[in-house]
Amino acid sequence: MKNMQDFHNWLSVREPLLLEQIRLRALTGVSRTRLAKVSNEAPWFIWDAPQSLSE
């Protein structure tokens, strides 16, 4: 995706939904406190971050 508008359009599609879209939509309803708490439980992918060869 080139920019946030493309991402928003992709996320706003009505049907059929991909599993990624369902999960990301669910995150929009999560409070910051809860999101911070669960983000410590698993690794997150950071866009444009260099990936190590071991991954």
PDB file of N, CA and C in Angstrom:
ATOM      1  N   MET A   1       0.828  -1.168   0.000  1.00  0.00           N
ATOM      2  CA  MET A   1       0.000   0.000   0.000  1.00  0.00           C
ATOM      3  C   MET A   1       0.880   1.241   0.000  1.00  0.00           C
ATOM      4  N   LYS A   2       0.495   2.199  -0.779  1.00  0.00           N
ATOM      5  CA  LYS A   2       1.326   3.383  -0.946  1.00  0.00           C
ATOM      6  C   LYS A   2       1.213   4.353   0.221  1.00  0.00           C
ATOM      7  N   ASN A   3       0.026   4.457   0.812  1.00  0.00           N
ATOM      8  CA  ASN A   3      -0.147   5.436   1.890  1.00  0.00           C
ATOM      9  C   ASN A   3      -1.299   5.021   2.810  1.00  0.00           C
ATOM     10  N   MET A   4      -1.548   5.840   3.813  1.00  0.00           N
ATOM     11  CA  MET A   4      -2.593   5.522   4.789  1.00  0.00           C
ATOM     12  C   MET A   4      -3.984   5.525   4.160  1.00  0.00           C
ATOM     13  N   GLN A   5      -4.203   6.343   3.136  1.00  0.00           N
ATOM     14  CA  GLN A   5      -5.513   6.360   2.481  1.00  0.00           C
ATOM     15  C   GLN A   5      -5.780   5.022   1.804  1.00  0.00           C
ATOM     16  N   ASP A   6      -4.767   4.450   1.154  1.00  0.00           N
ATOM     17  CA  ASP A   6      -4.910   3.122   0.555  1.00  0.00           C
ATOM     18  C   ASP A   6      -5.218   2.079   1.628  1.00  0.00           C
ATOM     19  N   PHE A   7      -4.525   2.187   2.762  1.00  0.00           N
ATOM     20  CA  PHE A   7      -4.755   1.264   3.874  1.00  0.00           C
ATOM     21  C   PHE A   7      -6.185   1.406   4.390  1.00  0.00           C
ATOM     22  N   HIS A   8      -6.647   2.633   4.560  1.00  0.00           N
ATOM     23  CA  HIS A   8      -8.008   2.878   5.034  1.00  0.00           C
ATOM     24  C   HIS A   8      -9.028   2.309   4.047  1.00  0.00           C
ATOM     25  N   ASN A   9      -8.819   2.532   2.772  1.00  0.00           N
ATOM     26  CA  ASN A   9      -9.732   2.000   1.754  1.00  0.00           C
ATOM     27  C   ASN A   9      -9.749   0.473   1.791  1.00  0.00           C
ATOM     28  N   TRP A  10      -8.589  -0.136   1.937  1.00  0.00           N
ATOM     29  CA  TRP A  10      -8.492  -1.593   2.009  1.00  0.00           C
ATOM     30  C   TRP A  10      -9.218  -2.123   3.235  1.00  0.00           C
ATOM     31  N   LEU A  11      -9.064  -1.412   4.349  1.00  0.00           N
ATOM     32  CA  LEU A  11      -9.692  -1.844   5.590  1.00  0.00           C
ATOM     33  C   LEU A  11     -11.205  -1.601   5.580  1.00  0.00           C
ATOM     34  N   SER A  12     -11.667  -0.659   4.764  1.00  0.00           N
ATOM     35  CA  SER A  12     -13.081  -0.286   4.728  1.00  0.00           C
ATOM     36  C   SER A  12     -13.922  -1.108   3.755  1.00  0.00           C
ATOM     37  N   VAL A  13     -13.310  -2.020   3.037  1.00  0.00           N
ATOM     38  CA  VAL A  13     -14.037  -2.853   2.081  1.00  0.00           C
ATOM     39  C   VAL A  13     -15.114  -3.634   2.816  1.00  0.00           C
ATOM     40  N   ARG A  14     -16.281  -3.758   2.219  1.00  0.00           N
ATOM     41  CA  ARG A  14     -17.383  -4.462   2.882  1.00  0.00           C
ATOM     42  C   ARG A  14     -17.235  -5.972   2.797  1.00  0.00           C
ATOM     43  N   GLU A  15     -17.079  -6.532   1.618  1.00  0.00           N
ATOM     44  CA  GLU A  15     -16.994  -7.994   1.472  1.00  0.00           C
ATOM     45  C   GLU A  15     -16.179  -8.335   0.241  1.00  0.00           C
ATOM     46  N   PRO A  16     -15.602  -9.456   0.139  1.00  0.00           N
ATOM     47  CA  PRO A  16     -15.318 -10.413   1.211  1.00  0.00           C
ATOM     48  C   PRO A  16     -14.157  -9.909   2.044  1.00  0.00           C
ATOM     49  N   LEU A  17     -14.182 -10.193   3.317  1.00  0.00           N
ATOM     50  CA  LEU A  17     -13.115  -9.745   4.220  1.00  0.00           C
ATOM     51  C   LEU A  17     -12.037 -10.810   4.335  1.00  0.00           C
ATOM     52  N   LEU A  18     -10.812 -10.359   4.321  1.00  0.00           N
ATOM     53  CA  LEU A  18      -9.681 -11.239   4.590  1.00  0.00           C
ATOM     54  C   LEU A  18      -9.504 -11.334   6.095  1.00  0.00           C
ATOM     55  N   LEU A  19      -8.857 -12.375   6.549  1.00  0.00           N
ATOM     56  CA  LEU A  19      -8.609 -12.550   7.975  1.00  0.00           C
ATOM     57  C   LEU A  19      -7.856 -11.354   8.554  1.00  0.00           C
ATOM     58  N   GLU A  20      -6.906 -10.803   7.802  1.00  0.00           N
ATOM     59  CA  GLU A  20      -6.153  -9.647   8.261  1.00  0.00           C
ATOM     60  C   GLU A  20      -7.060  -8.439   8.472  1.00  0.00           C
ATOM     61  N   GLN A  21      -8.026  -8.249   7.568  1.00  0.00           N
ATOM     62  CA  GLN A  21      -8.950  -7.129   7.701  1.00  0.00           C
ATOM     63  C   GLN A  21      -9.830  -7.286   8.942  1.00  0.00           C
ATOM     64  N   ILE A  22     -10.282  -8.485   9.192  1.00  0.00           N
ATOM     65  CA  ILE A  22     -11.116  -8.747  10.371  1.00  0.00           C
ATOM     66  C   ILE A  22     -10.332  -8.430  11.638  1.00  0.00           C
ATOM     67  N   ARG A  23      -9.098  -8.888  11.699  1.00  0.00           N
ATOM     68  CA  ARG A  23      -8.275  -8.654  12.888  1.00  0.00           C
ATOM     69  C   ARG A  23      -7.945  -7.179  13.082  1.00  0.00           C
ATOM     70  N   LEU A  24      -7.595  -6.503  11.998  1.00  0.00           N
ATOM     71  CA  LEU A  24      -7.265  -5.086  12.121  1.00  0.00           C
ATOM     72  C   LEU A  24      -8.491  -4.257  12.489  1.00  0.00           C
ATOM     73  N   ARG A  25      -9.651  -4.614  11.960  1.00  0.00           N
ATOM     74  CA  ARG A  25     -10.878  -3.913  12.346  1.00  0.00           C
ATOM     75  C   ARG A  25     -11.155  -4.094  13.831  1.00  0.00           C
ATOM     76  N   ALA A  26     -10.911  -5.285  14.334  1.00  0.00           N
ATOM     77  CA  ALA A  26     -11.136  -5.544  15.757  1.00  0.00           C
ATOM     78  C   ALA A  26     -10.216  -4.671  16.613  1.00  0.00           C
ATOM     79  N   LEU A  27      -9.007  -4.424  16.152  1.00  0.00           N
ATOM     80  CA  LEU A  27      -8.077  -3.592  16.908  1.00  0.00           C
ATOM     81  C   LEU A  27      -8.553  -2.152  17.040  1.00  0.00           C
ATOM     82  N   THR A  28      -9.358  -1.682  16.102  1.00  0.00           N
ATOM     83  CA  THR A  28      -9.827  -0.298  16.172  1.00  0.00           C
ATOM     84  C   THR A  28     -10.772  -0.079  17.343  1.00  0.00           C
ATOM     85  N   GLY A  29     -11.350  -1.147  17.889  1.00  0.00           N
ATOM     86  CA  GLY A  29     -12.251  -1.018  19.021  1.00  0.00           C
ATOM     87  C   GLY A  29     -11.598  -1.277  20.364  1.00  0.00           C
ATOM     88  N   VAL A  30     -10.307  -1.505  20.371  1.00  0.00           N
ATOM     89  CA  VAL A  30      -9.584  -1.819  21.605  1.00  0.00           C
ATOM     90  C   VAL A  30      -9.052  -0.530  22.231  1.00  0.00           C
ATOM     91  N   SER A  31      -9.161  -0.409  23.544  1.00  0.00           N
ATOM     92  CA  SER A  31      -8.640   0.775  24.230  1.00  0.00           C
ATOM     93  C   SER A  31      -7.112   0.789  24.172  1.00  0.00           C
ATOM     94  N   ARG A  32      -6.539   1.964  24.335  1.00  0.00           N
ATOM     95  CA  ARG A  32      -5.075   2.082  24.333  1.00  0.00           C
ATOM     96  C   ARG A  32      -4.447   1.270  25.448  1.00  0.00           C
ATOM     97  N   THR A  33      -5.117   1.254  26.606  1.00  0.00           N
ATOM     98  CA  THR A  33      -4.590   0.505  27.745  1.00  0.00           C
ATOM     99  C   THR A  33      -4.529  -0.978  27.423  1.00  0.00           C
ATOM    100  N   ARG A  34      -5.610  -1.513  26.884  1.00  0.00           N
ATOM    101  CA  ARG A  34      -5.657  -2.943  26.542  1.00  0.00           C
ATOM    102  C   ARG A  34      -4.660  -3.263  25.430  1.00  0.00           C
ATOM    103  N   LEU A  35      -4.563  -2.409  24.444  1.00  0.00           N
ATOM    104  CA  LEU A  35      -3.623  -2.629  23.344  1.00  0.00           C
ATOM    105  C   LEU A  35      -2.184  -2.630  23.846  1.00  0.00           C
ATOM    106  N   ALA A  36      -1.864  -1.723  24.747  1.00  0.00           N
ATOM    107  CA  ALA A  36      -0.510  -1.690  25.318  1.00  0.00           C
ATOM    108  C   ALA A  36      -0.230  -2.965  26.105  1.00  0.00           C
ATOM    109  N   LYS A  37      -1.235  -3.449  26.809  1.00  0.00           N
ATOM    110  CA  LYS A  37      -1.062  -4.658  27.608  1.00  0.00           C
ATOM    111  C   LYS A  37      -0.812  -5.880  26.718  1.00  0.00           C
ATOM    112  N   VAL A  38      -1.607  -6.057  25.674  1.00  0.00           N
ATOM    113  CA  VAL A  38      -1.433  -7.233  24.822  1.00  0.00           C
ATOM    114  C   VAL A  38      -0.227  -7.110  23.910  1.00  0.00           C
ATOM    115  N   SER A  39       0.217  -5.895  23.629  1.00  0.00           N
ATOM    116  CA  SER A  39       1.382  -5.734  22.756  1.00  0.00           C
ATOM    117  C   SER A  39       2.649  -6.248  23.420  1.00  0.00           C
ATOM    118  N   ASN A  40       2.639  -6.372  24.721  1.00  0.00           N
ATOM    119  CA  ASN A  40       3.787  -6.912  25.439  1.00  0.00           C
ATOM    120  C   ASN A  40       3.820  -8.435  25.408  1.00  0.00           C
ATOM    121  N   GLU A  41       2.726  -9.056  24.965  1.00  0.00           N
ATOM    122  CA  GLU A  41       2.621 -10.509  24.989  1.00  0.00           C
ATOM    123  C   GLU A  41       3.178 -11.191  23.745  1.00  0.00           C
ATOM    124  N   ALA A  42       3.299 -10.462  22.651  1.00  0.00           N
ATOM    125  CA  ALA A  42       3.764 -11.076  21.409  1.00  0.00           C
ATOM    126  C   ALA A  42       4.534 -10.042  20.591  1.00  0.00           C
ATOM    127  N   PRO A  43       5.436 -10.501  19.744  1.00  0.00           N
ATOM    128  CA  PRO A  43       6.172  -9.544  18.906  1.00  0.00           C
ATOM    129  C   PRO A  43       5.268  -8.915  17.856  1.00  0.00           C
ATOM    130  N   TRP A  44       5.530  -7.676  17.532  1.00  0.00           N
ATOM    131  CA  TRP A  44       4.774  -6.942  16.521  1.00  0.00           C
ATOM    132  C   TRP A  44       5.687  -6.630  15.350  1.00  0.00           C
ATOM    133  N   PHE A  45       5.130  -6.629  14.165  1.00  0.00           N
ATOM    134  CA  PHE A  45       5.870  -6.238  12.973  1.00  0.00           C
ATOM    135  C   PHE A  45       5.801  -4.724  12.835  1.00  0.00           C
ATOM    136  N   ILE A  46       6.947  -4.078  12.693  1.00  0.00           N
ATOM    137  CA  ILE A  46       6.995  -2.637  12.511  1.00  0.00           C
ATOM    138  C   ILE A  46       7.277  -2.354  11.044  1.00  0.00           C
ATOM    139  N   TRP A  47       6.369  -1.619  10.397  1.00  0.00           N
ATOM    140  CA  TRP A  47       6.527  -1.325   8.970  1.00  0.00           C
ATOM    141  C   TRP A  47       7.836  -0.625   8.714  1.00  0.00           C
ATOM    142  N   ASP A  48       8.476  -0.987   7.638  1.00  0.00           N
ATOM    143  CA  ASP A  48       9.731  -0.397   7.161  1.00  0.00           C
ATOM    144  C   ASP A  48      10.912  -0.649   8.096  1.00  0.00           C
ATOM    145  N   ALA A  49      10.744  -1.511   9.064  1.00  0.00           N
ATOM    146  CA  ALA A  49      11.874  -1.840   9.936  1.00  0.00           C
ATOM    147  C   ALA A  49      12.708  -2.922   9.265  1.00  0.00           C
ATOM    148  N   PRO A  50      14.019  -2.803   9.316  1.00  0.00           N
ATOM    149  CA  PRO A  50      14.858  -3.839   8.715  1.00  0.00           C
ATOM    150  C   PRO A  50      14.652  -5.178   9.430  1.00  0.00           C
ATOM    151  N   GLN A  51      14.566  -6.235   8.670  1.00  0.00           N
ATOM    152  CA  GLN A  51      14.360  -7.563   9.221  1.00  0.00           C
ATOM    153  C   GLN A  51      15.698  -8.302   9.276  1.00  0.00           C
ATOM    154  N   SER A  52      15.919  -9.018  10.357  1.00  0.00           N
ATOM    155  CA  SER A  52      17.168  -9.773  10.465  1.00  0.00           C
ATOM    156  C   SER A  52      17.080 -11.027   9.605  1.00  0.00           C
ATOM    157  N   LEU A  53      18.200 -11.580   9.249  1.00  0.00           N
ATOM    158  CA  LEU A  53      18.234 -12.768   8.408  1.00  0.00           C
ATOM    159  C   LEU A  53      17.751 -14.016   9.156  1.00  0.00           C
ATOM    160  N   SER A  54      17.785 -13.977  10.481  1.00  0.00           N
ATOM    161  CA  SER A  54      17.368 -15.152  11.256  1.00  0.00           C
ATOM    162  C   SER A  54      15.859 -15.329  11.292  1.00  0.00           C
ATOM    163  N   GLU A  55      15.094 -14.310  10.884  1.00  0.00           N
ATOM    164  CA  GLU A  55      13.638 -14.406  10.930  1.00  0.00           C
ATOM    165  C   GLU A  55      13.064 -15.112   9.740  1.00  0.00           C
TER     166      GLU A  55
END
